[in-house]
Amino acid sequence: CPRGWPLRGDKCYWLSKQANNWTRSRDDCWGKSSRLLVLQSQEELDSIRLVIQGTHSVWTGVKATFPGGKWTWVDGSPLDPARFPVSGPVDGNSCGRLKGSQLYSEMCDVEFRWICQKDAA
C-alpha cells in the first residue's frame, strides 16, 4: 500500500482529514487512482471501523440512482439491502454515509470526511 494507506485484508484504505461533498470526495479518490469505499462483506465493514475509529461519519461510494431509487456502488454493482441496509429517506440527491456500522442516506452536498480504497499491490 502507499505510505499512509493502512492495509486491511487485500485492500488499502485512506481516510481524508478534511470534509467535502460526495462528488468532490469521489473525484479526490479517482485522483488518487482509487475509489470511494465499496463494501463487499461484513468482515470488510468490521476492518473499516478500525480505520475510521472516532470519526463521526464518512462518505462511502454508494449513491441512489433514479428512476427507482436503487442504491448503486461507484463500481457499478448494486448495494445488497439485506447485507447493508440504508437508513433514511431517498431522493434524487441521496448518497451513502457510514457511521459506526450503519449506512445512512444523506444529501450529497453535505460535507463529511471520506474513505478511499484500492487493491493492495
N, C-alpha and C. Protein backbone atom coordinates (compact mmCIF):
# COMPACT_ATOMS: atom_id res chain seq x y z
N CYS A 1 0.85 -1.20 0.00
CA CYS A 1 0.00 0.00 0.00
C CYS A 1 0.89 1.26 0.00
N PRO A 2 0.37 2.33 -0.57
CA PRO A 2 1.12 3.59 -0.46
C PRO A 2 1.29 3.99 1.01
N ARG A 3 2.30 4.82 1.28
CA ARG A 3 2.54 5.32 2.64
C ARG A 3 1.28 6.03 3.14
N GLY A 4 0.88 5.71 4.37
CA GLY A 4 -0.29 6.34 4.97
C GLY A 4 -1.61 5.67 4.61
N TRP A 5 -1.56 4.57 3.85
CA TRP A 5 -2.77 3.82 3.49
C TRP A 5 -2.72 2.49 4.24
N PRO A 6 -3.46 2.33 5.35
CA PRO A 6 -3.42 1.06 6.07
C PRO A 6 -3.94 -0.10 5.21
N LEU A 7 -3.29 -1.24 5.37
CA LEU A 7 -3.72 -2.47 4.69
C LEU A 7 -4.70 -3.21 5.58
N ARG A 8 -5.86 -3.56 5.04
CA ARG A 8 -6.86 -4.38 5.73
C ARG A 8 -7.30 -5.43 4.73
N GLY A 9 -7.00 -6.69 5.01
CA GLY A 9 -7.31 -7.74 4.06
C GLY A 9 -6.46 -7.56 2.81
N ASP A 10 -7.11 -7.50 1.64
CA ASP A 10 -6.37 -7.33 0.38
C ASP A 10 -6.53 -5.93 -0.20
N LYS A 11 -6.99 -4.98 0.65
CA LYS A 11 -7.20 -3.61 0.17
C LYS A 11 -6.46 -2.60 1.04
N CYS A 12 -6.15 -1.46 0.41
CA CYS A 12 -5.53 -0.34 1.11
C CYS A 12 -6.59 0.75 1.27
N TYR A 13 -6.57 1.44 2.39
CA TYR A 13 -7.59 2.46 2.68
C TYR A 13 -6.93 3.78 3.05
N TRP A 14 -7.61 4.87 2.69
CA TRP A 14 -7.13 6.21 3.02
C TRP A 14 -8.30 7.03 3.53
N LEU A 15 -8.14 7.61 4.71
CA LEU A 15 -9.18 8.43 5.32
C LEU A 15 -8.79 9.90 5.21
N SER A 16 -9.69 10.71 4.65
CA SER A 16 -9.39 12.14 4.50
C SER A 16 -9.30 12.81 5.87
N LYS A 17 -8.60 13.93 5.91
CA LYS A 17 -8.52 14.71 7.14
C LYS A 17 -9.52 15.87 7.13
N GLN A 18 -9.95 16.28 5.92
CA GLN A 18 -10.92 17.36 5.81
C GLN A 18 -12.27 16.80 5.36
N ALA A 19 -13.27 17.67 5.26
CA ALA A 19 -14.61 17.28 4.83
C ALA A 19 -14.89 17.84 3.44
N ASN A 20 -15.72 17.14 2.70
CA ASN A 20 -16.12 17.60 1.36
C ASN A 20 -17.46 16.97 1.01
N ASN A 21 -18.07 17.45 -0.09
CA ASN A 21 -19.32 16.83 -0.52
C ASN A 21 -19.00 15.50 -1.22
N TRP A 22 -20.04 14.73 -1.55
CA TRP A 22 -19.84 13.39 -2.09
C TRP A 22 -19.10 13.42 -3.44
N THR A 23 -19.50 14.32 -4.33
CA THR A 23 -18.90 14.36 -5.67
C THR A 23 -17.42 14.71 -5.59
N ARG A 24 -17.07 15.71 -4.79
CA ARG A 24 -15.66 16.08 -4.65
C ARG A 24 -14.87 14.96 -3.97
N SER A 25 -15.51 14.28 -3.04
CA SER A 25 -14.85 13.15 -2.37
C SER A 25 -14.57 12.03 -3.37
N ARG A 26 -15.57 11.71 -4.21
CA ARG A 26 -15.39 10.69 -5.25
C ARG A 26 -14.26 11.08 -6.19
N ASP A 27 -14.25 12.35 -6.62
CA ASP A 27 -13.23 12.81 -7.55
C ASP A 27 -11.84 12.79 -6.92
N ASP A 28 -11.76 13.08 -5.62
CA ASP A 28 -10.47 13.03 -4.93
C ASP A 28 -9.93 11.60 -4.94
N CYS A 29 -10.79 10.63 -4.68
CA CYS A 29 -10.34 9.23 -4.73
C CYS A 29 -9.86 8.87 -6.13
N TRP A 30 -10.62 9.26 -7.15
CA TRP A 30 -10.20 9.00 -8.53
C TRP A 30 -8.83 9.58 -8.80
N GLY A 31 -8.58 10.79 -8.28
CA GLY A 31 -7.29 11.43 -8.46
C GLY A 31 -6.15 10.69 -7.77
N LYS A 32 -6.50 9.84 -6.79
CA LYS A 32 -5.51 9.02 -6.08
C LYS A 32 -5.46 7.60 -6.66
N SER A 33 -5.99 7.42 -7.88
CA SER A 33 -6.06 6.09 -8.53
C SER A 33 -6.75 5.08 -7.63
N SER A 34 -7.84 5.53 -6.99
CA SER A 34 -8.60 4.67 -6.10
C SER A 34 -10.08 5.01 -6.28
N ARG A 35 -10.91 4.52 -5.39
CA ARG A 35 -12.34 4.83 -5.46
C ARG A 35 -12.87 4.99 -4.05
N LEU A 36 -14.02 5.67 -3.94
CA LEU A 36 -14.69 5.72 -2.65
C LEU A 36 -14.99 4.30 -2.20
N LEU A 37 -15.08 4.11 -0.91
CA LEU A 37 -15.30 2.80 -0.30
C LEU A 37 -16.48 2.05 -0.92
N VAL A 38 -16.23 0.81 -1.35
CA VAL A 38 -17.27 -0.12 -1.79
C VAL A 38 -17.22 -1.30 -0.83
N LEU A 39 -18.27 -1.45 -0.02
CA LEU A 39 -18.31 -2.54 0.96
C LEU A 39 -18.78 -3.83 0.28
N GLN A 40 -18.04 -4.91 0.50
CA GLN A 40 -18.41 -6.19 -0.10
C GLN A 40 -18.72 -7.27 0.92
N SER A 41 -18.36 -7.05 2.18
CA SER A 41 -18.61 -8.08 3.19
C SER A 41 -18.68 -7.45 4.59
N GLN A 42 -19.25 -8.20 5.51
CA GLN A 42 -19.30 -7.76 6.91
C GLN A 42 -17.88 -7.67 7.47
N GLU A 43 -16.99 -8.57 7.04
CA GLU A 43 -15.60 -8.54 7.51
C GLU A 43 -14.92 -7.24 7.09
N GLU A 44 -15.21 -6.81 5.84
CA GLU A 44 -14.63 -5.55 5.38
C GLU A 44 -15.15 -4.38 6.20
N LEU A 45 -16.46 -4.38 6.48
CA LEU A 45 -17.04 -3.33 7.31
C LEU A 45 -16.38 -3.31 8.69
N ASP A 46 -16.17 -4.49 9.27
CA ASP A 46 -15.54 -4.55 10.60
C ASP A 46 -14.13 -3.96 10.56
N SER A 47 -13.36 -4.25 9.50
CA SER A 47 -11.99 -3.72 9.43
C SER A 47 -11.99 -2.22 9.14
N ILE A 48 -12.97 -1.74 8.38
CA ILE A 48 -13.09 -0.30 8.09
C ILE A 48 -13.33 0.47 9.39
N ARG A 49 -14.09 -0.10 10.29
CA ARG A 49 -14.38 0.59 11.54
C ARG A 49 -13.09 0.89 12.31
N LEU A 50 -12.05 0.06 12.15
CA LEU A 50 -10.76 0.33 12.79
C LEU A 50 -10.06 1.51 12.12
N VAL A 51 -10.25 1.67 10.80
CA VAL A 51 -9.63 2.77 10.07
C VAL A 51 -10.29 4.10 10.43
N ILE A 52 -11.63 4.10 10.58
CA ILE A 52 -12.36 5.35 10.80
C ILE A 52 -12.68 5.60 12.27
N GLN A 53 -12.10 4.83 13.16
CA GLN A 53 -12.45 4.92 14.58
C GLN A 53 -12.51 6.36 15.06
N GLY A 54 -13.60 6.69 15.74
CA GLY A 54 -13.76 8.02 16.30
C GLY A 54 -14.27 9.06 15.33
N THR A 55 -14.27 8.74 14.01
CA THR A 55 -14.78 9.69 13.03
C THR A 55 -16.29 9.60 13.03
N HIS A 56 -16.97 10.75 13.06
CA HIS A 56 -18.42 10.78 13.18
C HIS A 56 -19.09 10.06 12.01
N SER A 57 -18.89 10.53 10.80
CA SER A 57 -19.45 9.93 9.59
C SER A 57 -18.46 10.09 8.46
N VAL A 58 -18.46 9.12 7.52
CA VAL A 58 -17.63 9.22 6.32
C VAL A 58 -18.47 8.86 5.10
N TRP A 59 -18.16 9.52 3.98
CA TRP A 59 -18.81 9.16 2.72
C TRP A 59 -18.34 7.79 2.27
N THR A 60 -19.26 7.02 1.72
CA THR A 60 -18.93 5.77 1.06
C THR A 60 -19.25 5.93 -0.42
N GLY A 61 -18.88 4.95 -1.22
CA GLY A 61 -19.11 5.01 -2.66
C GLY A 61 -20.45 4.48 -3.09
N VAL A 62 -21.51 4.78 -2.35
CA VAL A 62 -22.85 4.34 -2.77
C VAL A 62 -23.74 5.56 -2.94
N LYS A 63 -24.54 5.53 -4.01
CA LYS A 63 -25.40 6.66 -4.37
C LYS A 63 -26.71 6.11 -4.89
N ALA A 64 -27.80 6.82 -4.60
CA ALA A 64 -29.12 6.41 -5.11
C ALA A 64 -29.22 6.79 -6.58
N THR A 65 -29.71 5.86 -7.40
CA THR A 65 -29.89 6.12 -8.83
C THR A 65 -31.38 6.11 -9.15
N PHE A 66 -31.76 6.96 -10.07
CA PHE A 66 -33.17 7.09 -10.44
C PHE A 66 -33.34 6.86 -11.92
N PRO A 67 -34.53 6.40 -12.38
CA PRO A 67 -35.73 6.19 -11.54
C PRO A 67 -35.60 4.94 -10.68
N GLY A 68 -36.38 4.88 -9.63
CA GLY A 68 -36.43 3.70 -8.78
C GLY A 68 -35.75 3.85 -7.44
N GLY A 69 -34.79 4.78 -7.34
CA GLY A 69 -34.13 4.99 -6.05
C GLY A 69 -33.30 3.82 -5.59
N LYS A 70 -32.72 3.07 -6.54
CA LYS A 70 -31.86 1.94 -6.17
C LYS A 70 -30.47 2.45 -5.79
N TRP A 71 -29.87 1.81 -4.78
CA TRP A 71 -28.53 2.17 -4.34
C TRP A 71 -27.51 1.42 -5.18
N THR A 72 -26.54 2.16 -5.74
CA THR A 72 -25.51 1.58 -6.60
C THR A 72 -24.14 2.07 -6.14
N TRP A 73 -23.17 1.14 -6.08
CA TRP A 73 -21.80 1.48 -5.70
C TRP A 73 -21.09 2.14 -6.89
N VAL A 74 -20.01 2.87 -6.62
CA VAL A 74 -19.26 3.56 -7.68
C VAL A 74 -18.64 2.59 -8.68
N ASP A 75 -18.52 1.31 -8.34
CA ASP A 75 -18.00 0.33 -9.31
C ASP A 75 -19.11 -0.23 -10.19
N GLY A 76 -20.35 0.28 -10.02
CA GLY A 76 -21.48 -0.15 -10.84
C GLY A 76 -22.28 -1.30 -10.25
N SER A 77 -21.80 -1.90 -9.17
CA SER A 77 -22.53 -3.02 -8.58
C SER A 77 -23.67 -2.51 -7.70
N PRO A 78 -24.78 -3.28 -7.63
CA PRO A 78 -25.89 -2.86 -6.77
C PRO A 78 -25.58 -3.12 -5.30
N LEU A 79 -26.10 -2.27 -4.44
CA LEU A 79 -25.99 -2.49 -3.00
C LEU A 79 -26.98 -3.61 -2.63
N ASP A 80 -26.54 -4.52 -1.77
CA ASP A 80 -27.42 -5.57 -1.26
C ASP A 80 -28.08 -5.05 0.02
N PRO A 81 -29.37 -4.67 -0.04
CA PRO A 81 -30.01 -4.07 1.14
C PRO A 81 -30.18 -5.05 2.29
N ALA A 82 -30.13 -6.34 2.01
CA ALA A 82 -30.21 -7.32 3.10
C ALA A 82 -28.91 -7.33 3.90
N ARG A 83 -27.79 -7.14 3.21
CA ARG A 83 -26.48 -7.14 3.87
C ARG A 83 -26.16 -5.78 4.46
N PHE A 84 -26.44 -4.71 3.70
CA PHE A 84 -26.13 -3.35 4.13
C PHE A 84 -27.36 -2.46 3.97
N PRO A 85 -28.31 -2.52 4.93
CA PRO A 85 -29.49 -1.66 4.83
C PRO A 85 -29.11 -0.19 4.99
N VAL A 86 -29.80 0.68 4.26
CA VAL A 86 -29.55 2.12 4.32
C VAL A 86 -30.72 2.77 5.05
N SER A 87 -30.44 3.51 6.12
CA SER A 87 -31.47 4.19 6.90
C SER A 87 -31.68 5.61 6.38
N GLY A 88 -32.92 6.03 6.34
CA GLY A 88 -33.23 7.41 5.98
C GLY A 88 -33.92 7.51 4.63
N PRO A 89 -34.50 8.69 4.34
CA PRO A 89 -35.24 8.89 3.09
C PRO A 89 -34.31 8.95 1.88
N VAL A 90 -34.84 8.54 0.74
CA VAL A 90 -34.07 8.53 -0.51
C VAL A 90 -34.73 9.49 -1.49
N ASP A 91 -33.94 10.41 -2.07
CA ASP A 91 -34.46 11.26 -3.14
C ASP A 91 -33.43 11.32 -4.25
N GLY A 92 -33.60 12.24 -5.17
CA GLY A 92 -32.72 12.32 -6.33
C GLY A 92 -31.31 12.78 -6.02
N ASN A 93 -31.05 13.16 -4.79
CA ASN A 93 -29.72 13.65 -4.41
C ASN A 93 -29.26 12.96 -3.12
N SER A 94 -29.38 11.61 -3.10
CA SER A 94 -29.03 10.86 -1.91
C SER A 94 -27.75 10.05 -2.12
N CYS A 95 -26.84 10.19 -1.16
CA CYS A 95 -25.58 9.45 -1.16
C CYS A 95 -25.46 8.75 0.19
N GLY A 96 -24.57 7.76 0.26
CA GLY A 96 -24.47 6.96 1.47
C GLY A 96 -23.30 7.35 2.34
N ARG A 97 -23.60 7.59 3.62
CA ARG A 97 -22.53 7.83 4.59
C ARG A 97 -22.53 6.69 5.60
N LEU A 98 -21.35 6.42 6.12
CA LEU A 98 -21.17 5.36 7.11
C LEU A 98 -20.92 5.99 8.46
N LYS A 99 -21.69 5.56 9.45
CA LYS A 99 -21.46 5.98 10.83
C LYS A 99 -21.49 4.72 11.67
N GLY A 100 -20.37 4.42 12.32
CA GLY A 100 -20.28 3.15 13.04
C GLY A 100 -20.35 2.00 12.05
N SER A 101 -21.35 1.15 12.20
CA SER A 101 -21.51 0.03 11.26
C SER A 101 -22.79 0.18 10.44
N GLN A 102 -23.35 1.39 10.39
CA GLN A 102 -24.63 1.60 9.72
C GLN A 102 -24.49 2.59 8.56
N LEU A 103 -25.13 2.27 7.44
CA LEU A 103 -25.20 3.19 6.30
C LEU A 103 -26.43 4.07 6.44
N TYR A 104 -26.27 5.35 6.14
CA TYR A 104 -27.36 6.31 6.19
C TYR A 104 -27.47 7.05 4.86
N SER A 105 -28.71 7.37 4.48
CA SER A 105 -28.95 8.21 3.32
C SER A 105 -28.75 9.66 3.72
N GLU A 106 -28.02 10.41 2.89
CA GLU A 106 -27.72 11.81 3.20
C GLU A 106 -27.70 12.60 1.91
N MET A 107 -28.07 13.88 1.98
CA MET A 107 -27.97 14.75 0.81
C MET A 107 -26.51 14.80 0.35
N CYS A 108 -26.28 14.63 -0.95
CA CYS A 108 -24.91 14.50 -1.48
C CYS A 108 -24.07 15.76 -1.31
N ASP A 109 -24.70 16.92 -1.09
CA ASP A 109 -23.92 18.15 -0.98
C ASP A 109 -23.53 18.48 0.47
N VAL A 110 -23.91 17.64 1.43
CA VAL A 110 -23.43 17.80 2.80
C VAL A 110 -21.96 17.42 2.81
N GLU A 111 -21.18 17.98 3.71
CA GLU A 111 -19.74 17.69 3.74
C GLU A 111 -19.38 16.77 4.90
N PHE A 112 -18.69 15.68 4.56
CA PHE A 112 -18.14 14.74 5.54
C PHE A 112 -16.72 14.40 5.11
N ARG A 113 -15.99 13.75 6.01
CA ARG A 113 -14.73 13.12 5.60
C ARG A 113 -15.10 11.93 4.72
N TRP A 114 -14.12 11.37 4.04
CA TRP A 114 -14.40 10.24 3.14
C TRP A 114 -13.27 9.23 3.21
N ILE A 115 -13.56 8.05 2.68
CA ILE A 115 -12.56 6.98 2.70
C ILE A 115 -12.42 6.41 1.29
N CYS A 116 -11.16 6.38 0.83
CA CYS A 116 -10.82 5.80 -0.47
C CYS A 116 -10.26 4.40 -0.27
N GLN A 117 -10.41 3.56 -1.29
CA GLN A 117 -9.84 2.22 -1.25
C GLN A 117 -9.21 1.87 -2.59
N LYS A 118 -8.17 1.05 -2.52
CA LYS A 118 -7.57 0.48 -3.73
C LYS A 118 -7.05 -0.89 -3.39
N ASP A 119 -6.90 -1.72 -4.42
CA ASP A 119 -6.36 -3.06 -4.21
C ASP A 119 -4.89 -2.95 -3.81
N ALA A 120 -4.47 -3.81 -2.88
CA ALA A 120 -3.06 -3.86 -2.48
C ALA A 120 -2.22 -4.35 -3.67
N ALA A 121 -1.03 -3.81 -3.80
CA ALA A 121 -0.15 -4.21 -4.91
C ALA A 121 0.44 -5.58 -4.66
